Amino acid sequence: MARATTLTLSLILLSFFNVINGNNLATAAATTVAATDPAVNFIRTSCKATTYPAVCVESLSAYASTIHKSPRQLVMTALSVSVKRAETTEAFVAKLTKFHGLKPRERSALKDCLEEVSDSVDRLSKSVRELKKMGRARGPEFAWHMSNLQTWVSAALTDESTCMDGFAGRAVNGRIKSSIRARMTNVAQVTSNALALCNKFAGKY
């Protein structure tokens, strides 16, 4: 039984790592093909304002044809990518919480993390809706919408950090801890980048 349980956990962790690797390979291929695309160059230049420029380019280059050279569309895409990656991580953590071989401390840490990630998804989704509601607003109205948007994204980033902090120094299965940290680190990085792009966009008006 213990052997079967361990095998099941390994398959769960492996399947989600394969999803990450597959996404990265697809994005890398798209980036290589469009290396000289003006839209890709716009993304690269914009990503220099972020804390994780390589991650920024990797996560956004596949959407160059949608972004074109629009700062607003760049922000929208960055937020949408953050939502998607947070949702994927939420599904991953939710699946792990249902695993029967967990110790009480592991289950508690995962449930706490799931709550934080769910909050992050909710806040990032609200930031996308806020940007849509903004339309072509200018002046005080633009500033008001951007303030709301920045608040949502900043709060989402805090949620993601809180999830990772919950595994520090706790007796949690090494593979579970490593897989959670890897996924949450990526989500936190794309969210941080989205916030940086939001701040840059806000400074233009």
N, C-alpha and C. Protein backbone atom coordinates (compact mmCIF):
# COMPACT_ATOMS: atom_id res chain seq x y z
N MET A 1 0.83 -1.21 0.00
CA MET A 1 0.00 0.00 0.00
C MET A 1 0.86 1.26 0.00
N ALA A 2 1.91 1.25 0.86
CA ALA A 2 2.79 2.41 0.95
C ALA A 2 3.50 2.65 -0.37
N ARG A 3 3.89 1.53 -1.03
CA ARG A 3 4.58 1.66 -2.31
C ARG A 3 3.65 2.24 -3.38
N ALA A 4 2.41 1.78 -3.37
CA ALA A 4 1.43 2.28 -4.35
C ALA A 4 1.13 3.75 -4.10
N THR A 5 1.06 4.11 -2.81
CA THR A 5 0.80 5.50 -2.44
C THR A 5 1.91 6.42 -2.93
N THR A 6 3.16 5.97 -2.71
CA THR A 6 4.31 6.75 -3.14
C THR A 6 4.33 6.91 -4.66
N LEU A 7 3.98 5.82 -5.36
CA LEU A 7 3.96 5.86 -6.82
C LEU A 7 2.91 6.84 -7.32
N THR A 8 1.74 6.84 -6.67
CA THR A 8 0.67 7.76 -7.07
C THR A 8 1.11 9.21 -6.91
N LEU A 9 1.73 9.52 -5.77
CA LEU A 9 2.22 10.87 -5.53
C LEU A 9 3.25 11.27 -6.57
N SER A 10 4.15 10.34 -6.89
CA SER A 10 5.19 10.63 -7.88
C SER A 10 4.59 10.94 -9.24
N LEU A 11 3.56 10.19 -9.61
CA LEU A 11 2.90 10.42 -10.90
C LEU A 11 2.21 11.78 -10.94
N ILE A 12 1.60 12.18 -9.81
CA ILE A 12 0.94 13.49 -9.75
C ILE A 12 1.96 14.60 -9.93
N LEU A 13 3.07 14.50 -9.20
CA LEU A 13 4.11 15.53 -9.28
C LEU A 13 4.74 15.56 -10.67
N LEU A 14 4.98 14.38 -11.25
CA LEU A 14 5.61 14.31 -12.56
C LEU A 14 4.71 14.90 -13.64
N SER A 15 3.41 14.62 -13.55
CA SER A 15 2.49 15.11 -14.57
C SER A 15 2.46 16.62 -14.63
N PHE A 16 2.53 17.27 -13.47
CA PHE A 16 2.49 18.73 -13.45
C PHE A 16 3.82 19.34 -13.85
N PHE A 17 4.94 18.64 -13.57
CA PHE A 17 6.23 19.13 -14.04
C PHE A 17 6.30 19.04 -15.56
N ASN A 18 5.68 18.00 -16.13
CA ASN A 18 5.66 17.86 -17.59
C ASN A 18 4.87 18.99 -18.24
N VAL A 19 3.81 19.44 -17.56
CA VAL A 19 3.02 20.56 -18.08
C VAL A 19 3.88 21.81 -18.16
N ILE A 20 4.66 22.08 -17.10
CA ILE A 20 5.54 23.25 -17.08
C ILE A 20 6.58 23.16 -18.18
N ASN A 21 7.23 21.98 -18.29
CA ASN A 21 8.27 21.82 -19.30
C ASN A 21 7.71 21.95 -20.71
N GLY A 22 6.53 21.40 -20.93
CA GLY A 22 5.89 21.49 -22.24
C GLY A 22 5.57 22.91 -22.61
N ASN A 23 5.06 23.67 -21.65
CA ASN A 23 4.75 25.08 -21.90
C ASN A 23 6.00 25.88 -22.22
N ASN A 24 7.07 25.60 -21.47
CA ASN A 24 8.32 26.33 -21.69
C ASN A 24 8.92 26.04 -23.06
N LEU A 25 8.85 24.76 -23.49
CA LEU A 25 9.39 24.38 -24.79
C LEU A 25 8.60 25.04 -25.91
N ALA A 26 7.27 25.06 -25.76
CA ALA A 26 6.43 25.67 -26.79
C ALA A 26 6.70 27.16 -26.90
N THR A 27 6.85 27.80 -25.74
CA THR A 27 7.13 29.24 -25.74
C THR A 27 8.50 29.53 -26.34
N ALA A 28 9.48 28.70 -26.00
CA ALA A 28 10.83 28.89 -26.54
C ALA A 28 10.84 28.77 -28.05
N ALA A 29 10.08 27.81 -28.57
CA ALA A 29 10.01 27.62 -30.01
C ALA A 29 9.38 28.83 -30.68
N ALA A 30 8.30 29.33 -30.09
CA ALA A 30 7.61 30.50 -30.65
C ALA A 30 8.51 31.72 -30.62
N THR A 31 9.29 31.85 -29.54
CA THR A 31 10.18 33.00 -29.41
C THR A 31 11.29 32.96 -30.46
N THR A 32 11.82 31.74 -30.72
CA THR A 32 12.89 31.59 -31.70
C THR A 32 12.41 31.97 -33.09
N VAL A 33 11.21 31.52 -33.45
CA VAL A 33 10.65 31.80 -34.76
C VAL A 33 10.44 33.29 -34.95
N ALA A 34 9.99 33.97 -33.88
CA ALA A 34 9.63 35.39 -33.98
C ALA A 34 10.71 36.31 -33.44
N ALA A 35 11.96 35.86 -33.49
CA ALA A 35 13.05 36.60 -32.85
C ALA A 35 13.20 38.02 -33.39
N THR A 36 12.89 38.23 -34.66
CA THR A 36 13.05 39.56 -35.25
C THR A 36 11.73 40.32 -35.36
N ASP A 37 10.68 39.79 -34.80
CA ASP A 37 9.37 40.44 -34.84
C ASP A 37 9.42 41.73 -34.02
N PRO A 38 8.97 42.87 -34.58
CA PRO A 38 8.96 44.13 -33.83
C PRO A 38 8.18 44.03 -32.52
N ALA A 39 7.11 43.23 -32.53
CA ALA A 39 6.31 43.07 -31.31
C ALA A 39 7.12 42.36 -30.23
N VAL A 40 7.92 41.36 -30.63
CA VAL A 40 8.77 40.65 -29.67
C VAL A 40 9.83 41.60 -29.12
N ASN A 41 10.38 42.42 -29.97
CA ASN A 41 11.37 43.41 -29.52
C ASN A 41 10.74 44.40 -28.54
N PHE A 42 9.49 44.76 -28.79
CA PHE A 42 8.77 45.65 -27.88
C PHE A 42 8.62 44.98 -26.51
N ILE A 43 8.29 43.68 -26.53
CA ILE A 43 8.15 42.93 -25.28
C ILE A 43 9.47 42.88 -24.54
N ARG A 44 10.55 42.58 -25.25
CA ARG A 44 11.87 42.51 -24.62
C ARG A 44 12.26 43.84 -23.98
N THR A 45 12.02 44.91 -24.69
CA THR A 45 12.35 46.23 -24.16
C THR A 45 11.51 46.54 -22.93
N SER A 46 10.23 46.24 -23.00
CA SER A 46 9.32 46.50 -21.87
C SER A 46 9.70 45.66 -20.66
N CYS A 47 10.13 44.42 -20.90
CA CYS A 47 10.45 43.51 -19.80
C CYS A 47 11.70 43.92 -19.03
N LYS A 48 12.48 44.84 -19.58
CA LYS A 48 13.66 45.32 -18.87
C LYS A 48 13.28 46.07 -17.59
N ALA A 49 12.03 46.51 -17.52
CA ALA A 49 11.56 47.24 -16.34
C ALA A 49 11.13 46.30 -15.22
N THR A 50 11.16 44.99 -15.47
CA THR A 50 10.69 44.01 -14.48
C THR A 50 11.85 43.43 -13.68
N THR A 51 11.52 42.76 -12.60
CA THR A 51 12.54 42.12 -11.75
C THR A 51 13.06 40.84 -12.38
N TYR A 52 12.23 40.17 -13.16
CA TYR A 52 12.60 38.90 -13.79
C TYR A 52 12.41 39.01 -15.31
N PRO A 53 13.28 39.75 -15.99
CA PRO A 53 13.10 40.00 -17.42
C PRO A 53 13.07 38.75 -18.29
N ALA A 54 13.89 37.75 -17.96
CA ALA A 54 13.91 36.52 -18.76
C ALA A 54 12.57 35.80 -18.66
N VAL A 55 12.03 35.73 -17.45
CA VAL A 55 10.72 35.10 -17.25
C VAL A 55 9.65 35.91 -17.96
N CYS A 56 9.79 37.22 -17.92
CA CYS A 56 8.84 38.12 -18.57
C CYS A 56 8.78 37.85 -20.07
N VAL A 57 9.94 37.79 -20.71
CA VAL A 57 9.99 37.54 -22.15
C VAL A 57 9.46 36.15 -22.47
N GLU A 58 9.85 35.17 -21.67
CA GLU A 58 9.40 33.79 -21.88
C GLU A 58 7.88 33.66 -21.81
N SER A 59 7.28 34.37 -20.87
CA SER A 59 5.84 34.22 -20.65
C SER A 59 4.98 35.03 -21.61
N LEU A 60 5.57 36.04 -22.24
CA LEU A 60 4.77 36.95 -23.08
C LEU A 60 5.04 36.85 -24.58
N SER A 61 6.20 36.34 -24.95
CA SER A 61 6.57 36.33 -26.37
C SER A 61 5.60 35.55 -27.24
N ALA A 62 5.01 34.50 -26.70
CA ALA A 62 4.07 33.69 -27.47
C ALA A 62 2.81 34.48 -27.84
N TYR A 63 2.60 35.60 -27.16
CA TYR A 63 1.40 36.43 -27.40
C TYR A 63 1.74 37.71 -28.16
N ALA A 64 2.90 37.72 -28.81
CA ALA A 64 3.36 38.93 -29.51
C ALA A 64 2.36 39.43 -30.54
N SER A 65 1.70 38.50 -31.23
CA SER A 65 0.75 38.91 -32.27
C SER A 65 -0.49 39.58 -31.68
N THR A 66 -0.76 39.30 -30.42
CA THR A 66 -1.89 39.93 -29.73
C THR A 66 -1.47 41.27 -29.12
N ILE A 67 -0.27 41.28 -28.57
CA ILE A 67 0.23 42.48 -27.90
C ILE A 67 0.59 43.58 -28.89
N HIS A 68 1.15 43.19 -30.04
CA HIS A 68 1.67 44.15 -31.02
C HIS A 68 2.67 45.06 -30.32
N LYS A 69 2.40 46.35 -30.28
CA LYS A 69 3.28 47.28 -29.56
C LYS A 69 2.43 48.17 -28.64
N SER A 70 1.38 47.56 -28.10
CA SER A 70 0.44 48.28 -27.24
C SER A 70 0.77 48.09 -25.76
N PRO A 71 1.14 49.14 -25.04
CA PRO A 71 1.42 49.03 -23.61
C PRO A 71 0.22 48.49 -22.83
N ARG A 72 -0.98 48.91 -23.21
CA ARG A 72 -2.18 48.45 -22.52
C ARG A 72 -2.39 46.96 -22.74
N GLN A 73 -2.22 46.50 -23.96
CA GLN A 73 -2.39 45.09 -24.26
C GLN A 73 -1.29 44.25 -23.62
N LEU A 74 -0.12 44.84 -23.48
CA LEU A 74 0.98 44.16 -22.80
C LEU A 74 0.61 43.89 -21.35
N VAL A 75 0.06 44.90 -20.68
CA VAL A 75 -0.36 44.74 -19.29
C VAL A 75 -1.49 43.71 -19.18
N MET A 76 -2.46 43.80 -20.08
CA MET A 76 -3.57 42.86 -20.07
C MET A 76 -3.08 41.42 -20.23
N THR A 77 -2.16 41.23 -21.14
CA THR A 77 -1.62 39.89 -21.38
C THR A 77 -0.82 39.39 -20.18
N ALA A 78 -0.02 40.26 -19.60
CA ALA A 78 0.78 39.88 -18.42
C ALA A 78 -0.13 39.46 -17.27
N LEU A 79 -1.21 40.20 -17.07
CA LEU A 79 -2.17 39.85 -16.02
C LEU A 79 -2.87 38.54 -16.33
N SER A 80 -3.25 38.35 -17.59
CA SER A 80 -3.95 37.13 -17.99
C SER A 80 -3.06 35.90 -17.83
N VAL A 81 -1.78 36.05 -18.16
CA VAL A 81 -0.83 34.95 -17.98
C VAL A 81 -0.70 34.62 -16.50
N SER A 82 -0.66 35.64 -15.65
CA SER A 82 -0.58 35.43 -14.21
C SER A 82 -1.79 34.67 -13.70
N VAL A 83 -2.97 35.03 -14.19
CA VAL A 83 -4.20 34.34 -13.80
C VAL A 83 -4.13 32.87 -14.19
N LYS A 84 -3.74 32.61 -15.43
CA LYS A 84 -3.70 31.22 -15.92
C LYS A 84 -2.71 30.37 -15.13
N ARG A 85 -1.55 30.92 -14.85
CA ARG A 85 -0.55 30.14 -14.11
C ARG A 85 -0.97 29.95 -12.65
N ALA A 86 -1.61 30.94 -12.09
CA ALA A 86 -2.12 30.80 -10.72
C ALA A 86 -3.23 29.76 -10.67
N GLU A 87 -4.09 29.74 -11.68
CA GLU A 87 -5.18 28.76 -11.74
C GLU A 87 -4.64 27.34 -11.88
N THR A 88 -3.61 27.18 -12.69
CA THR A 88 -3.00 25.86 -12.87
C THR A 88 -2.38 25.39 -11.56
N THR A 89 -1.73 26.30 -10.85
CA THR A 89 -1.13 25.96 -9.57
C THR A 89 -2.19 25.65 -8.53
N GLU A 90 -3.29 26.40 -8.57
CA GLU A 90 -4.40 26.14 -7.66
C GLU A 90 -4.93 24.72 -7.86
N ALA A 91 -5.08 24.30 -9.11
CA ALA A 91 -5.57 22.95 -9.42
C ALA A 91 -4.58 21.90 -8.93
N PHE A 92 -3.29 22.20 -9.08
CA PHE A 92 -2.24 21.28 -8.63
C PHE A 92 -2.29 21.09 -7.12
N VAL A 93 -2.36 22.20 -6.38
CA VAL A 93 -2.39 22.13 -4.92
C VAL A 93 -3.67 21.44 -4.45
N ALA A 94 -4.78 21.74 -5.11
CA ALA A 94 -6.06 21.11 -4.74
C ALA A 94 -5.98 19.60 -4.90
N LYS A 95 -5.31 19.16 -5.96
CA LYS A 95 -5.17 17.72 -6.20
C LYS A 95 -4.31 17.08 -5.12
N LEU A 96 -3.26 17.77 -4.71
CA LEU A 96 -2.38 17.24 -3.66
C LEU A 96 -3.10 17.14 -2.32
N THR A 97 -4.00 18.06 -2.02
CA THR A 97 -4.70 18.02 -0.73
C THR A 97 -5.58 16.78 -0.60
N LYS A 98 -5.96 16.19 -1.73
CA LYS A 98 -6.82 15.00 -1.72
C LYS A 98 -6.03 13.70 -1.66
N PHE A 99 -4.71 13.83 -1.65
CA PHE A 99 -3.85 12.65 -1.59
C PHE A 99 -3.96 12.01 -0.21
N HIS A 100 -4.22 10.70 -0.17
CA HIS A 100 -4.49 10.01 1.11
C HIS A 100 -3.24 9.72 1.94
N GLY A 101 -2.06 9.81 1.35
CA GLY A 101 -0.86 9.48 2.10
C GLY A 101 -0.23 10.64 2.83
N LEU A 102 -0.93 11.76 2.93
CA LEU A 102 -0.36 12.95 3.58
C LEU A 102 -0.36 12.83 5.10
N LYS A 103 0.66 13.43 5.71
CA LYS A 103 0.69 13.56 7.16
C LYS A 103 -0.14 14.79 7.53
N PRO A 104 -0.61 14.86 8.78
CA PRO A 104 -1.44 16.00 9.20
C PRO A 104 -0.78 17.36 8.92
N ARG A 105 0.51 17.48 9.19
CA ARG A 105 1.20 18.76 8.96
C ARG A 105 1.26 19.09 7.47
N GLU A 106 1.45 18.07 6.64
CA GLU A 106 1.50 18.28 5.20
C GLU A 106 0.14 18.73 4.67
N ARG A 107 -0.90 18.07 5.15
CA ARG A 107 -2.25 18.42 4.70
C ARG A 107 -2.61 19.84 5.13
N SER A 108 -2.22 20.20 6.36
CA SER A 108 -2.50 21.54 6.87
C SER A 108 -1.78 22.60 6.04
N ALA A 109 -0.50 22.35 5.73
CA ALA A 109 0.28 23.31 4.94
C ALA A 109 -0.31 23.46 3.54
N LEU A 110 -0.74 22.36 2.95
CA LEU A 110 -1.31 22.40 1.61
C LEU A 110 -2.66 23.12 1.59
N LYS A 111 -3.47 22.89 2.61
CA LYS A 111 -4.77 23.57 2.68
C LYS A 111 -4.59 25.07 2.85
N ASP A 112 -3.63 25.45 3.69
CA ASP A 112 -3.35 26.88 3.87
C ASP A 112 -2.87 27.50 2.56
N CYS A 113 -2.01 26.76 1.86
CA CYS A 113 -1.49 27.25 0.59
C CYS A 113 -2.61 27.37 -0.44
N LEU A 114 -3.49 26.37 -0.47
CA LEU A 114 -4.61 26.39 -1.42
C LEU A 114 -5.48 27.63 -1.21
N GLU A 115 -5.71 27.97 0.05
CA GLU A 115 -6.51 29.16 0.35
C GLU A 115 -5.83 30.43 -0.17
N GLU A 116 -4.51 30.50 0.03
CA GLU A 116 -3.76 31.67 -0.44
C GLU A 116 -3.76 31.76 -1.97
N VAL A 117 -3.56 30.62 -2.63
CA VAL A 117 -3.53 30.62 -4.09
C VAL A 117 -4.90 30.97 -4.66
N SER A 118 -5.95 30.46 -4.02
CA SER A 118 -7.31 30.78 -4.45
C SER A 118 -7.58 32.28 -4.34
N ASP A 119 -7.10 32.87 -3.25
CA ASP A 119 -7.23 34.33 -3.08
C ASP A 119 -6.45 35.06 -4.17
N SER A 120 -5.27 34.53 -4.49
CA SER A 120 -4.45 35.15 -5.53
C SER A 120 -5.17 35.13 -6.88
N VAL A 121 -5.77 33.99 -7.22
CA VAL A 121 -6.52 33.87 -8.47
C VAL A 121 -7.65 34.89 -8.51
N ASP A 122 -8.36 35.00 -7.40
CA ASP A 122 -9.49 35.93 -7.32
C ASP A 122 -9.02 37.38 -7.53
N ARG A 123 -7.93 37.75 -6.88
CA ARG A 123 -7.45 39.13 -6.97
C ARG A 123 -6.87 39.45 -8.35
N LEU A 124 -6.18 38.50 -8.92
CA LEU A 124 -5.65 38.71 -10.27
C LEU A 124 -6.78 38.83 -11.28
N SER A 125 -7.82 38.03 -11.09
CA SER A 125 -8.99 38.10 -11.98
C SER A 125 -9.66 39.46 -11.86
N LYS A 126 -9.71 39.99 -10.64
CA LYS A 126 -10.29 41.32 -10.43
C LYS A 126 -9.44 42.39 -11.11
N SER A 127 -8.14 42.19 -11.13
CA SER A 127 -7.27 43.18 -11.78
C SER A 127 -7.52 43.20 -13.29
N VAL A 128 -7.77 42.03 -13.88
CA VAL A 128 -8.09 41.96 -15.31
C VAL A 128 -9.39 42.69 -15.59
N ARG A 129 -10.39 42.45 -14.74
CA ARG A 129 -11.68 43.12 -14.92
C ARG A 129 -11.55 44.63 -14.74
N GLU A 130 -10.69 45.04 -13.82
CA GLU A 130 -10.47 46.47 -13.58
C GLU A 130 -9.88 47.14 -14.82
N LEU A 131 -8.94 46.46 -15.45
CA LEU A 131 -8.32 47.02 -16.65
C LEU A 131 -9.33 47.11 -17.79
N LYS A 132 -10.20 46.12 -17.88
CA LYS A 132 -11.24 46.15 -18.91
C LYS A 132 -12.22 47.29 -18.67
N LYS A 133 -12.59 47.50 -17.41
CA LYS A 133 -13.53 48.59 -17.07
C LYS A 133 -12.92 49.96 -17.33
N MET A 134 -11.60 50.03 -17.25
CA MET A 134 -10.91 51.30 -17.44
C MET A 134 -11.15 51.88 -18.83
N GLY A 135 -11.23 50.99 -19.82
CA GLY A 135 -11.42 51.45 -21.18
C GLY A 135 -10.31 52.40 -21.60
N ARG A 136 -10.68 53.54 -22.13
CA ARG A 136 -9.69 54.54 -22.57
C ARG A 136 -9.69 55.75 -21.63
N ALA A 137 -9.96 55.51 -20.37
CA ALA A 137 -10.03 56.59 -19.39
C ALA A 137 -8.70 57.34 -19.30
N ARG A 138 -8.80 58.60 -18.93
CA ARG A 138 -7.63 59.46 -18.75
C ARG A 138 -7.78 60.24 -17.45
N GLY A 139 -6.70 60.90 -17.05
CA GLY A 139 -6.75 61.76 -15.89
C GLY A 139 -7.10 61.04 -14.59
N PRO A 140 -7.92 61.67 -13.73
CA PRO A 140 -8.26 61.11 -12.43
C PRO A 140 -8.94 59.73 -12.52
N GLU A 141 -9.77 59.54 -13.54
CA GLU A 141 -10.45 58.25 -13.69
C GLU A 141 -9.44 57.14 -13.99
N PHE A 142 -8.48 57.43 -14.84
CA PHE A 142 -7.42 56.46 -15.15
C PHE A 142 -6.63 56.13 -13.88
N ALA A 143 -6.27 57.16 -13.14
CA ALA A 143 -5.48 56.97 -11.91
C ALA A 143 -6.24 56.13 -10.90
N TRP A 144 -7.56 56.33 -10.82
CA TRP A 144 -8.38 55.58 -9.86
C TRP A 144 -8.41 54.10 -10.23
N HIS A 145 -8.64 53.81 -11.50
CA HIS A 145 -8.66 52.41 -11.95
C HIS A 145 -7.29 51.75 -11.75
N MET A 146 -6.23 52.47 -12.08
CA MET A 146 -4.89 51.91 -11.95
C MET A 146 -4.53 51.65 -10.50
N SER A 147 -4.98 52.52 -9.61
CA SER A 147 -4.73 52.32 -8.18
C SER A 147 -5.40 51.03 -7.70
N ASN A 148 -6.64 50.82 -8.13
CA ASN A 148 -7.35 49.59 -7.78
C ASN A 148 -6.62 48.37 -8.32
N LEU A 149 -6.23 48.46 -9.58
CA LEU A 149 -5.55 47.36 -10.25
C LEU A 149 -4.24 47.01 -9.54
N GLN A 150 -3.45 48.02 -9.23
CA GLN A 150 -2.17 47.79 -8.56
C GLN A 150 -2.37 47.20 -7.17
N THR A 151 -3.43 47.60 -6.50
CA THR A 151 -3.74 47.05 -5.18
C THR A 151 -4.05 45.57 -5.27
N TRP A 152 -4.86 45.18 -6.27
CA TRP A 152 -5.22 43.76 -6.45
C TRP A 152 -3.98 42.92 -6.74
N VAL A 153 -3.14 43.39 -7.66
CA VAL A 153 -1.96 42.61 -8.06
C VAL A 153 -0.97 42.50 -6.90
N SER A 154 -0.78 43.58 -6.17
CA SER A 154 0.12 43.57 -5.02
C SER A 154 -0.37 42.59 -3.96
N ALA A 155 -1.68 42.57 -3.72
CA ALA A 155 -2.26 41.65 -2.74
C ALA A 155 -2.10 40.21 -3.20
N ALA A 156 -2.25 39.97 -4.50
CA ALA A 156 -2.07 38.62 -5.05
C ALA A 156 -0.64 38.14 -4.84
N LEU A 157 0.31 39.03 -5.03
CA LEU A 157 1.72 38.70 -4.83
C LEU A 157 1.99 38.34 -3.38
N THR A 158 1.35 39.05 -2.46
CA THR A 158 1.48 38.74 -1.03
C THR A 158 0.92 37.36 -0.73
N ASP A 159 -0.23 37.03 -1.33
CA ASP A 159 -0.82 35.70 -1.13
C ASP A 159 0.14 34.60 -1.57
N GLU A 160 0.77 34.81 -2.71
CA GLU A 160 1.68 33.80 -3.25
C GLU A 160 2.90 33.62 -2.35
N SER A 161 3.41 34.70 -1.82
CA SER A 161 4.56 34.64 -0.91
C SER A 161 4.18 33.94 0.39
N THR A 162 2.96 34.21 0.86
CA THR A 162 2.48 33.59 2.09
C THR A 162 2.38 32.08 1.95
N CYS A 163 1.95 31.63 0.78
CA CYS A 163 1.88 30.19 0.52
C CYS A 163 3.26 29.57 0.67
N MET A 164 4.26 30.15 0.04
CA MET A 164 5.62 29.60 0.10
C MET A 164 6.18 29.66 1.52
N ASP A 165 5.88 30.73 2.24
CA ASP A 165 6.36 30.87 3.61
C ASP A 165 5.80 29.77 4.50
N GLY A 166 4.61 29.28 4.16
CA GLY A 166 3.97 28.25 4.97
C GLY A 166 4.70 26.92 4.98
N PHE A 167 5.62 26.72 4.04
CA PHE A 167 6.36 25.46 3.99
C PHE A 167 7.75 25.57 4.61
N ALA A 168 8.11 26.76 5.04
CA ALA A 168 9.44 26.97 5.63
C ALA A 168 9.53 26.31 7.00
N GLY A 169 10.51 25.44 7.17
CA GLY A 169 10.75 24.83 8.47
C GLY A 169 9.71 23.83 8.92
N ARG A 170 8.83 23.41 8.03
CA ARG A 170 7.80 22.45 8.41
C ARG A 170 8.17 21.06 7.90
N ALA A 171 7.72 20.05 8.65
CA ALA A 171 8.02 18.66 8.29
C ALA A 171 7.12 18.23 7.14
N VAL A 172 7.50 18.60 5.94
CA VAL A 172 6.72 18.29 4.75
C VAL A 172 7.56 17.46 3.80
N ASN A 173 6.92 16.50 3.14
CA ASN A 173 7.58 15.66 2.16
C ASN A 173 8.42 16.52 1.21
N GLY A 174 9.69 16.13 1.03
CA GLY A 174 10.60 16.94 0.23
C GLY A 174 10.14 17.17 -1.19
N ARG A 175 9.55 16.15 -1.80
CA ARG A 175 9.08 16.30 -3.19
C ARG A 175 7.89 17.24 -3.27
N ILE A 176 7.01 17.16 -2.28
CA ILE A 176 5.86 18.07 -2.25
C ILE A 176 6.34 19.51 -2.08
N LYS A 177 7.23 19.71 -1.11
CA LYS A 177 7.75 21.06 -0.85
C LYS A 177 8.44 21.63 -2.09
N SER A 178 9.27 20.81 -2.73
CA SER A 178 10.00 21.27 -3.92
C SER A 178 9.07 21.62 -5.06
N SER A 179 8.06 20.77 -5.28
CA SER A 179 7.14 21.01 -6.39
C SER A 179 6.29 22.25 -6.14
N ILE A 180 5.85 22.44 -4.90
CA ILE A 180 5.05 23.62 -4.56
C ILE A 180 5.90 24.88 -4.73
N ARG A 181 7.11 24.84 -4.20
CA ARG A 181 7.98 26.02 -4.29
C ARG A 181 8.31 26.37 -5.74
N ALA A 182 8.55 25.34 -6.56
CA ALA A 182 8.87 25.60 -7.97
C ALA A 182 7.72 26.29 -8.68
N ARG A 183 6.52 25.79 -8.46
CA ARG A 183 5.35 26.36 -9.13
C ARG A 183 5.02 27.75 -8.58
N MET A 184 5.07 27.89 -7.25
CA MET A 184 4.73 29.17 -6.65
C MET A 184 5.77 30.24 -6.98
N THR A 185 7.02 29.83 -7.08
CA THR A 185 8.07 30.78 -7.46
C THR A 185 7.79 31.33 -8.85
N ASN A 186 7.40 30.45 -9.78
CA ASN A 186 7.09 30.89 -11.13
C ASN A 186 5.88 31.82 -11.15
N VAL A 187 4.84 31.45 -10.41
CA VAL A 187 3.63 32.29 -10.35
C VAL A 187 3.97 33.66 -9.75
N ALA A 188 4.76 33.64 -8.67
CA ALA A 188 5.13 34.90 -8.02
C ALA A 188 5.97 35.78 -8.96
N GLN A 189 6.82 35.16 -9.75
CA GLN A 189 7.66 35.93 -10.68
C GLN A 189 6.83 36.58 -11.78
N VAL A 190 5.90 35.82 -12.38
CA VAL A 190 5.08 36.43 -13.44
C VAL A 190 4.15 37.49 -12.87
N THR A 191 3.71 37.29 -11.62
CA THR A 191 2.86 38.29 -10.97
C THR A 191 3.66 39.55 -10.66
N SER A 192 4.87 39.38 -10.16
CA SER A 192 5.76 40.51 -9.90
C SER A 192 6.03 41.29 -11.18
N ASN A 193 6.26 40.56 -12.26
CA ASN A 193 6.50 41.21 -13.55
C ASN A 193 5.26 41.97 -14.02
N ALA A 194 4.10 41.36 -13.83
CA ALA A 194 2.85 42.02 -14.23
C ALA A 194 2.68 43.33 -13.46
N LEU A 195 3.01 43.30 -12.16
CA LEU A 195 2.90 44.51 -11.35
C LEU A 195 3.86 45.58 -11.84
N ALA A 196 5.08 45.18 -12.19
CA ALA A 196 6.06 46.14 -12.70
C ALA A 196 5.59 46.77 -14.01
N LEU A 197 4.98 45.97 -14.87
CA LEU A 197 4.46 46.49 -16.14
C LEU A 197 3.26 47.40 -15.90
N CYS A 198 2.45 47.07 -14.89
CA CYS A 198 1.33 47.93 -14.51
C CYS A 198 1.84 49.29 -14.04
N ASN A 199 2.87 49.25 -13.19
CA ASN A 199 3.45 50.49 -12.67
C ASN A 199 4.03 51.35 -13.79
N LYS A 200 4.68 50.69 -14.75
CA LYS A 200 5.25 51.42 -15.89
C LYS A 200 4.14 52.04 -16.73
N PHE A 201 3.07 51.28 -16.95
CA PHE A 201 1.94 51.77 -17.72
C PHE A 201 1.28 52.96 -17.02
N ALA A 202 1.15 52.84 -15.69
CA ALA A 202 0.53 53.92 -14.90
C ALA A 202 1.34 55.20 -14.99
N GLY A 203 2.65 55.07 -15.09
CA GLY A 203 3.52 56.24 -15.15
C GLY A 203 3.47 56.99 -16.47
N LYS A 204 2.83 56.40 -17.47
CA LYS A 204 2.77 57.03 -18.79
C LYS A 204 1.66 58.08 -18.88
N TYR A 205 0.73 58.05 -17.91
CA TYR A 205 -0.43 58.95 -18.01
C TYR A 205 -0.59 59.76 -16.73
